[in-house]
Amino acid sequence: MLTKSKPRSKLIQLRKAKGFTQEQMAKLLNVTRATYANYETGYRSPNLTNVIEMKKILETTDDTIFL
């Protein structure tokens, strides 16, 4: 059974507040734009290295951006 993913609106808000596009975030993380978009929609979860990098890029220590 497929379940609906939950958008990670906090992640989207932080990215937009910093003025980054999904494409820019993807390049900074060395992933495709589609992969990064899937992080935001909740279809995929980033690995630990990318979580740490995203938190640095977005200048946050908030772990709830992925919940």
C-alpha atoms as a PDB file:
ATOM      1  CA  MET A   1       0.000   0.000   0.000  1.00  0.00           C
ATOM      2  CA  LEU A   2       1.334   3.402  -0.966  1.00  0.00           C
ATOM      3  CA  THR A   3       1.101   6.214   1.526  1.00  0.00           C
ATOM      4  CA  LYS A   4       1.025   9.875   0.700  1.00  0.00           C
ATOM      5  CA  SER A   5       4.195  11.751   1.432  1.00  0.00           C
ATOM      6  CA  LYS A   6       4.166  14.765   3.690  1.00  0.00           C
ATOM      7  CA  PRO A   7       5.647  17.973   2.264  1.00  0.00           C
ATOM      8  CA  ARG A   8       8.455  19.310   4.377  1.00  0.00           C
ATOM      9  CA  SER A   9       7.236  22.885   4.427  1.00  0.00           C
ATOM     10  CA  LYS A  10       9.872  23.969   6.941  1.00  0.00           C
ATOM     11  CA  LEU A  11      12.619  22.901   4.523  1.00  0.00           C
ATOM     12  CA  ILE A  12      10.891  24.773   1.690  1.00  0.00           C
ATOM     13  CA  GLN A  13      10.462  27.898   3.828  1.00  0.00           C
ATOM     14  CA  LEU A  14      14.114  27.930   4.869  1.00  0.00           C
ATOM     15  CA  ARG A  15      15.323  27.439   1.288  1.00  0.00           C
ATOM     16  CA  LYS A  16      13.125  30.248  -0.014  1.00  0.00           C
ATOM     17  CA  ALA A  17      14.115  32.545   2.855  1.00  0.00           C
ATOM     18  CA  LYS A  18      17.756  32.121   1.800  1.00  0.00           C
ATOM     19  CA  GLY A  19      16.811  32.851  -1.807  1.00  0.00           C
ATOM     20  CA  PHE A  20      17.846  29.463  -3.186  1.00  0.00           C
ATOM     21  CA  THR A  21      16.095  27.582  -5.959  1.00  0.00           C
ATOM     22  CA  GLN A  22      15.758  23.816  -5.877  1.00  0.00           C
ATOM     23  CA  GLU A  23      18.364  23.678  -8.655  1.00  0.00           C
ATOM     24  CA  GLN A  24      20.857  25.700  -6.603  1.00  0.00           C
ATOM     25  CA  MET A  25      20.326  23.536  -3.523  1.00  0.00           C
ATOM     26  CA  ALA A  26      20.761  20.404  -5.622  1.00  0.00           C
ATOM     27  CA  LYS A  27      24.075  21.654  -7.004  1.00  0.00           C
ATOM     28  CA  LEU A  28      25.328  22.544  -3.533  1.00  0.00           C
ATOM     29  CA  LEU A  29      24.436  19.043  -2.339  1.00  0.00           C
ATOM     30  CA  ASN A  30      25.734  17.324  -5.482  1.00  0.00           C
ATOM     31  CA  VAL A  31      22.382  15.693  -6.245  1.00  0.00           C
ATOM     32  CA  THR A  32      19.920  16.136  -9.091  1.00  0.00           C
ATOM     33  CA  ARG A  33      17.164  18.718  -8.870  1.00  0.00           C
ATOM     34  CA  ALA A  34      14.643  15.866  -8.933  1.00  0.00           C
ATOM     35  CA  THR A  35      16.305  14.225  -5.936  1.00  0.00           C
ATOM     36  CA  TYR A  36      16.277  17.488  -4.000  1.00  0.00           C
ATOM     37  CA  ALA A  37      12.632  18.093  -4.959  1.00  0.00           C
ATOM     38  CA  ASN A  38      11.855  14.635  -3.572  1.00  0.00           C
ATOM     39  CA  TYR A  39      13.451  15.663  -0.260  1.00  0.00           C
ATOM     40  CA  GLU A  40      11.033  18.598  -0.093  1.00  0.00           C
ATOM     41  CA  THR A  41       7.986  16.523  -0.989  1.00  0.00           C
ATOM     42  CA  GLY A  42       8.919  13.742   1.408  1.00  0.00           C
ATOM     43  CA  TYR A  43       9.209  11.047  -1.251  1.00  0.00           C
ATOM     44  CA  ARG A  44      12.877  10.581  -0.352  1.00  0.00           C
ATOM     45  CA  SER A  45      14.940  11.260   2.727  1.00  0.00           C
ATOM     46  CA  PRO A  46      18.420  12.752   2.484  1.00  0.00           C
ATOM     47  CA  ASN A  47      21.390  10.819   3.787  1.00  0.00           C
ATOM     48  CA  LEU A  48      23.129  12.045   6.929  1.00  0.00           C
ATOM     49  CA  THR A  49      25.839  13.878   4.995  1.00  0.00           C
ATOM     50  CA  ASN A  50      23.234  15.838   3.027  1.00  0.00           C
ATOM     51  CA  VAL A  51      21.223  16.581   6.163  1.00  0.00           C
ATOM     52  CA  ILE A  52      24.309  18.116   7.758  1.00  0.00           C
ATOM     53  CA  GLU A  53      25.109  20.082   4.595  1.00  0.00           C
ATOM     54  CA  MET A  54      21.539  21.373   4.257  1.00  0.00           C
ATOM     55  CA  LYS A  55      21.568  22.560   7.844  1.00  0.00           C
ATOM     56  CA  LYS A  56      24.837  24.428   7.181  1.00  0.00           C
ATOM     57  CA  ILE A  57      23.624  25.934   3.903  1.00  0.00           C
ATOM     58  CA  LEU A  58      20.313  26.988   5.430  1.00  0.00           C
ATOM     59  CA  GLU A  59      22.038  28.145   8.625  1.00  0.00           C
ATOM     60  CA  THR A  60      19.791  26.190  10.958  1.00  0.00           C
ATOM     61  CA  THR A  61      20.227  23.715  13.764  1.00  0.00           C
ATOM     62  CA  ASP A  62      16.563  22.747  13.616  1.00  0.00           C
ATOM     63  CA  ASP A  63      16.209  18.984  13.183  1.00  0.00           C
ATOM     64  CA  THR A  64      12.467  19.297  12.634  1.00  0.00           C
ATOM     65  CA  ILE A  65      12.907  20.456   9.037  1.00  0.00           C
ATOM     66  CA  PHE A  66      12.708  16.801   8.004  1.00  0.00           C
ATOM     67  CA  LEU A  67       9.736  15.711  10.106  1.00  0.00           C
END
